[in-house]
Amino acid sequence: MNDISMADLWELSPSGEDVFVAAPPGTGFLFGGQTMALVLRAAGRTVSDHLLPKSLHCSFIRSGDWGDAVELRVRRVNDSRSFAHRAVSAHQGGHLLVEAAISFHAPDEGVDEHLPAPEGPGPHELASDETVLGGVPGIIDVRPLDGPRPKGTVRNVHPYWARPHGPVDARPLLADCVTTFISDYLVVSTIFPEPTDRAQMVVTLTHTIWFHRQVHPEAWLRYDAEVVTLVGGRFLAEGSVHDEGGVLVASFAQEALIRPRRS
């Protein structure tokens, strides 16, 4: 366990008109899910409270470092009574890390339907896998349906149940930040159905998430992802997020680059 809460990871300080700065605790490589959650949090600070996140599309330009200050610049693309669109760029040390497009919507009344949830055991029947993000173990509790991964190897961890370790309050957008953060967790591993060594380099290029329904930020959610195509050194994985009642909470897709690792 650790004394870092997930809400601490997305604290923002104003730094000009529609510009925010974050200095999340942690060390090492800046996790893509962390960057996306910061982008979503910044965009949400510029829209009306009745608008909820609809979708987020993020292009990763350059890797960053966890623990160093990140500047988030928000551009107001469009506002109406039912929709808002924002473009957000994340910068660190003078370099562009991420370009993102975020849409918000005031949900309409109407039919509420979705495809059935996948079958399988619930989170309370499974063992936790080891997680280390930002140099800190245990920010999230991840419980793969196939059991913990063998140490020292890379293997697809999906499907898994996950939730934050420790409490997360219900401030606006925090639940969507949690879902966004976890949706990026080891999607790149879906290309390795069996345990393997680290001979391949895999890098996320783009990640898109669509938000369908609201949940509590501390809820157990099941994340499923699988590769649907591999060509030209790039693969695309598609995924879904369900709650314990089988309700579809979100959908996501991630494009990644795979190459032999340089010696």
Protein backbone atom coordinates (compact mmCIF):
# COMPACT_ATOMS: atom_id res chain seq x y z
CA MET A 1 0.00 0.00 0.00
CA ASN A 2 0.96 3.66 -0.21
CA ASP A 3 -0.17 7.07 0.97
CA ILE A 4 -0.93 8.41 -2.53
CA SER A 5 -4.64 8.59 -3.35
CA MET A 6 -5.86 8.63 -6.94
CA ALA A 7 -7.45 12.04 -6.40
CA ASP A 8 -3.97 13.37 -5.51
CA LEU A 9 -2.79 12.40 -9.00
CA TRP A 10 -5.16 14.83 -10.72
CA GLU A 11 -4.90 17.98 -8.61
CA LEU A 12 -4.64 21.06 -10.83
CA SER A 13 -3.53 24.63 -10.16
CA PRO A 14 -4.65 27.50 -12.44
CA SER A 15 -1.80 29.10 -14.39
CA GLY A 16 -3.54 31.57 -16.67
CA GLU A 17 -6.76 31.59 -18.69
CA ASP A 18 -7.69 27.93 -19.38
CA VAL A 19 -4.16 26.84 -18.46
CA PHE A 20 -3.48 24.48 -15.56
CA VAL A 21 -0.42 22.92 -13.96
CA ALA A 22 -0.21 19.53 -12.29
CA ALA A 23 2.69 18.04 -10.34
CA PRO A 24 1.46 14.52 -9.53
CA PRO A 25 3.46 12.54 -6.96
CA GLY A 26 5.48 9.62 -8.25
CA THR A 27 8.61 8.77 -10.21
CA GLY A 28 9.60 7.10 -13.47
CA PHE A 29 7.92 6.89 -16.86
CA LEU A 30 4.70 8.93 -17.07
CA PHE A 31 1.86 6.43 -17.44
CA GLY A 32 -0.43 7.24 -20.37
CA GLY A 33 -3.56 6.74 -18.29
CA GLN A 34 -2.29 9.39 -15.89
CA THR A 35 -1.80 11.89 -18.72
CA MET A 36 -5.28 11.20 -20.09
CA ALA A 37 -6.88 11.65 -16.68
CA LEU A 38 -5.11 15.01 -16.30
CA VAL A 39 -6.29 16.08 -19.75
CA LEU A 40 -9.88 15.13 -18.90
CA ARG A 41 -9.72 16.89 -15.54
CA ALA A 42 -8.40 20.08 -17.16
CA ALA A 43 -11.06 20.08 -19.88
CA GLY A 44 -13.76 19.50 -17.29
CA ARG A 45 -12.71 22.64 -15.42
CA THR A 46 -13.88 24.72 -18.40
CA VAL A 47 -17.39 23.31 -19.02
CA SER A 48 -20.76 23.64 -17.29
CA ASP A 49 -21.54 21.23 -14.46
CA HIS A 50 -24.55 19.70 -16.28
CA LEU A 51 -22.32 18.39 -19.08
CA LEU A 52 -20.77 14.94 -18.68
CA PRO A 53 -17.78 13.48 -20.57
CA LYS A 54 -18.86 11.80 -23.81
CA SER A 55 -15.53 10.83 -25.35
CA LEU A 56 -11.79 11.44 -25.17
CA HIS A 57 -9.31 10.84 -28.00
CA CYS A 58 -5.63 11.17 -27.11
CA SER A 59 -2.58 11.12 -29.38
CA PHE A 60 0.73 10.46 -27.63
CA ILE A 61 3.52 12.54 -29.16
CA ARG A 62 6.38 12.14 -26.70
CA SER A 63 7.01 10.28 -23.45
CA GLY A 64 7.12 12.17 -20.16
CA ASP A 65 8.31 11.76 -16.58
CA TRP A 66 6.05 11.10 -13.61
CA GLY A 67 6.62 13.65 -10.84
CA ASP A 68 7.65 16.58 -13.04
CA ALA A 69 5.22 19.45 -13.62
CA VAL A 70 2.80 19.05 -16.52
CA GLU A 71 1.19 22.11 -18.13
CA LEU A 72 -2.27 21.59 -19.61
CA ARG A 73 -3.52 24.14 -22.17
CA VAL A 74 -7.25 24.02 -22.93
CA ARG A 75 -8.81 25.45 -26.11
CA ARG A 76 -12.59 25.98 -26.15
CA VAL A 77 -13.62 24.61 -29.55
CA ASN A 78 -17.39 24.80 -29.18
CA ASP A 79 -20.14 25.32 -26.59
CA SER A 80 -23.89 24.80 -26.80
CA ARG A 81 -26.70 23.93 -24.38
CA SER A 82 -26.16 20.17 -24.91
CA PHE A 83 -22.54 19.81 -26.03
CA ALA A 84 -19.05 21.15 -25.43
CA HIS A 85 -15.84 20.35 -27.25
CA ARG A 86 -12.33 20.99 -25.97
CA ALA A 87 -8.82 20.54 -27.38
CA VAL A 88 -6.14 20.02 -24.74
CA SER A 89 -2.38 19.81 -25.09
CA ALA A 90 -0.07 18.57 -22.34
CA HIS A 91 3.48 19.94 -22.08
CA GLN A 92 6.45 19.08 -19.90
CA GLY A 93 9.89 20.69 -19.89
CA GLY A 94 9.05 22.66 -23.03
CA HIS A 95 8.03 19.54 -24.97
CA LEU A 96 4.60 18.56 -26.28
CA LEU A 97 3.53 15.23 -24.75
CA VAL A 98 -0.08 14.82 -25.80
CA GLU A 99 -2.77 16.29 -28.04
CA ALA A 100 -6.33 15.40 -27.03
CA ALA A 101 -9.91 16.06 -28.13
CA ILE A 102 -12.63 15.81 -25.45
CA SER A 103 -16.39 16.02 -25.92
CA PHE A 104 -19.07 16.59 -23.28
CA HIS A 105 -22.84 16.05 -23.48
CA ALA A 106 -25.94 16.62 -21.38
CA PRO A 107 -27.57 13.15 -21.60
CA ASP A 108 -31.02 12.97 -23.17
CA GLU A 109 -33.94 10.96 -21.83
CA GLY A 110 -34.71 7.76 -23.76
CA VAL A 111 -33.95 4.07 -24.27
CA ASP A 112 -31.15 2.54 -22.19
CA GLU A 113 -29.78 -0.68 -23.73
CA HIS A 114 -26.44 -2.43 -24.23
CA LEU A 115 -25.00 -5.82 -25.22
CA PRO A 116 -24.75 -8.50 -22.49
CA ALA A 117 -21.69 -8.44 -20.26
CA PRO A 118 -19.02 -11.17 -20.61
CA GLU A 119 -19.31 -14.14 -18.27
CA GLY A 120 -16.75 -14.90 -15.56
CA PRO A 121 -16.05 -14.66 -11.84
CA GLY A 122 -16.46 -11.43 -9.91
CA PRO A 123 -13.63 -9.50 -8.24
CA HIS A 124 -14.21 -10.99 -4.78
CA GLU A 125 -13.35 -14.47 -6.08
CA LEU A 126 -9.97 -13.45 -7.55
CA ALA A 127 -6.44 -12.70 -6.33
CA SER A 128 -4.76 -9.32 -6.78
CA ASP A 129 -1.93 -8.86 -9.27
CA GLU A 130 1.17 -6.80 -8.47
CA THR A 131 0.94 -3.24 -9.79
CA VAL A 132 3.59 -0.52 -9.78
CA LEU A 133 2.70 2.87 -11.26
CA GLY A 134 4.65 6.06 -10.69
CA GLY A 135 7.23 4.03 -8.78
CA VAL A 136 4.59 3.29 -6.13
CA PRO A 137 2.93 -0.11 -5.61
CA GLY A 138 -0.78 -0.49 -5.09
CA ILE A 139 -2.36 2.68 -6.53
CA ILE A 140 -4.95 0.41 -8.11
CA ASP A 141 -6.10 -3.09 -7.18
CA VAL A 142 -6.08 -5.28 -10.33
CA ARG A 143 -7.50 -8.81 -10.25
CA PRO A 144 -7.03 -10.74 -13.54
CA LEU A 145 -9.52 -13.50 -14.31
CA ASP A 146 -6.59 -15.75 -15.31
CA GLY A 147 -4.72 -15.09 -12.07
CA PRO A 148 -1.62 -12.98 -11.31
CA ARG A 149 1.03 -12.72 -14.03
CA PRO A 150 4.27 -14.73 -13.72
CA LYS A 151 7.00 -12.45 -12.37
CA GLY A 152 9.66 -11.30 -14.84
CA THR A 153 7.51 -11.86 -17.93
CA VAL A 154 5.08 -9.91 -20.08
CA ARG A 155 1.64 -11.43 -20.61
CA ASN A 156 -1.83 -10.25 -21.48
CA VAL A 157 -3.52 -9.33 -18.21
CA HIS A 158 -7.04 -8.86 -19.69
CA PRO A 159 -9.74 -9.41 -18.68
CA TYR A 160 -9.38 -8.06 -15.16
CA TRP A 161 -11.37 -6.37 -12.42
CA ALA A 162 -9.92 -3.17 -10.98
CA ARG A 163 -10.65 -0.30 -8.64
CA PRO A 164 -8.62 2.33 -6.75
CA HIS A 165 -6.87 1.44 -3.52
CA GLY A 166 -8.28 3.72 -0.85
CA PRO A 167 -11.19 6.16 -0.96
CA VAL A 168 -11.94 8.53 -3.84
CA ASP A 169 -14.54 11.22 -3.23
CA ALA A 170 -17.38 11.85 -5.64
CA ARG A 171 -16.27 15.24 -6.94
CA PRO A 172 -17.28 15.88 -10.59
CA LEU A 173 -15.28 13.94 -13.17
CA LEU A 174 -13.27 11.87 -10.66
CA ALA A 175 -15.13 8.65 -11.51
CA ASP A 176 -14.46 9.25 -15.22
CA CYS A 177 -10.81 10.02 -14.42
CA VAL A 178 -10.55 6.67 -12.60
CA THR A 179 -12.06 4.79 -15.56
CA THR A 180 -9.81 6.64 -18.00
CA PHE A 181 -6.69 5.98 -15.90
CA ILE A 182 -7.34 2.24 -15.58
CA SER A 183 -8.51 1.79 -19.19
CA ASP A 184 -4.91 2.30 -20.34
CA TYR A 185 -3.45 -0.22 -17.88
CA LEU A 186 -1.50 -2.84 -19.89
CA VAL A 187 -3.60 -2.64 -23.04
CA VAL A 188 -0.23 -2.98 -24.77
CA SER A 189 0.05 -6.47 -23.24
CA THR A 190 -2.92 -7.74 -25.28
CA ILE A 191 -0.51 -8.52 -28.14
CA PHE A 192 1.14 -11.20 -25.93
CA PRO A 193 -1.41 -13.99 -25.22
CA GLU A 194 1.32 -16.13 -23.64
CA PRO A 195 4.12 -15.13 -21.22
CA THR A 196 7.15 -13.76 -23.08
CA ASP A 197 10.37 -11.88 -22.41
CA ARG A 198 10.93 -8.20 -23.20
CA ALA A 199 12.35 -8.66 -26.70
CA GLN A 200 9.57 -6.51 -28.20
CA MET A 201 9.10 -2.77 -27.71
CA VAL A 202 5.45 -1.72 -27.53
CA VAL A 203 4.42 1.95 -27.43
CA THR A 204 0.93 3.45 -27.27
CA LEU A 205 0.14 5.80 -30.18
CA THR A 206 -3.50 6.72 -29.59
CA HIS A 207 -6.17 5.91 -27.01
CA THR A 208 -9.88 6.67 -27.27
CA ILE A 209 -12.52 6.12 -24.60
CA TRP A 210 -16.30 6.60 -24.82
CA PHE A 211 -18.21 7.19 -21.58
CA HIS A 212 -21.67 5.60 -21.54
CA ARG A 213 -22.90 5.54 -17.93
CA GLN A 214 -21.91 7.03 -14.59
CA VAL A 215 -20.49 4.93 -11.73
CA HIS A 216 -19.05 5.57 -8.28
CA PRO A 217 -15.28 6.21 -8.42
CA GLU A 218 -14.59 3.36 -5.97
CA ALA A 219 -16.66 0.75 -7.86
CA TRP A 220 -15.18 -2.52 -9.08
CA LEU A 221 -15.12 -2.46 -12.90
CA ARG A 222 -14.24 -5.23 -15.34
CA TYR A 223 -11.89 -4.26 -18.20
CA ASP A 224 -11.84 -6.50 -21.30
CA ALA A 225 -9.57 -5.86 -24.30
CA GLU A 226 -8.40 -7.86 -27.30
CA VAL A 227 -6.36 -7.23 -30.43
CA VAL A 228 -8.51 -6.93 -33.55
CA THR A 229 -5.78 -6.27 -36.13
CA LEU A 230 -1.98 -6.25 -36.50
CA VAL A 231 -0.41 -4.75 -39.62
CA GLY A 232 2.52 -2.53 -40.58
CA GLY A 233 4.03 -2.71 -37.11
CA ARG A 234 0.83 -1.33 -35.51
CA PHE A 235 -1.98 -3.14 -33.73
CA LEU A 236 -5.41 -2.06 -32.57
CA ALA A 237 -7.04 -3.36 -29.39
CA GLU A 238 -10.70 -2.79 -28.59
CA GLY A 239 -12.15 -2.99 -25.09
CA SER A 240 -15.15 -2.60 -22.81
CA VAL A 241 -15.76 -1.68 -19.17
CA HIS A 242 -18.61 -3.23 -17.14
CA ASP A 243 -19.70 -2.87 -13.53
CA GLU A 244 -20.54 -5.75 -11.17
CA GLY A 245 -24.15 -5.66 -12.32
CA GLY A 246 -23.11 -6.27 -15.93
CA VAL A 247 -23.86 -2.70 -17.05
CA LEU A 248 -21.65 -1.31 -19.82
CA VAL A 249 -19.91 1.74 -18.36
CA ALA A 250 -17.45 2.64 -21.13
CA SER A 251 -15.80 1.41 -24.34
CA PHE A 252 -12.25 2.06 -25.49
CA ALA A 253 -9.78 1.44 -28.30
CA GLN A 254 -6.01 1.72 -28.37
CA GLU A 255 -3.51 1.79 -31.24
CA ALA A 256 0.05 0.77 -30.44
CA LEU A 257 3.40 0.36 -32.18
CA ILE A 258 5.33 -2.92 -31.84
CA ARG A 259 8.98 -3.33 -32.85
CA PRO A 260 11.95 -5.53 -31.92
CA ARG A 261 13.70 -3.99 -28.95
CA ARG A 262 17.12 -2.52 -29.73
CA SER A 263 20.02 -4.30 -28.07
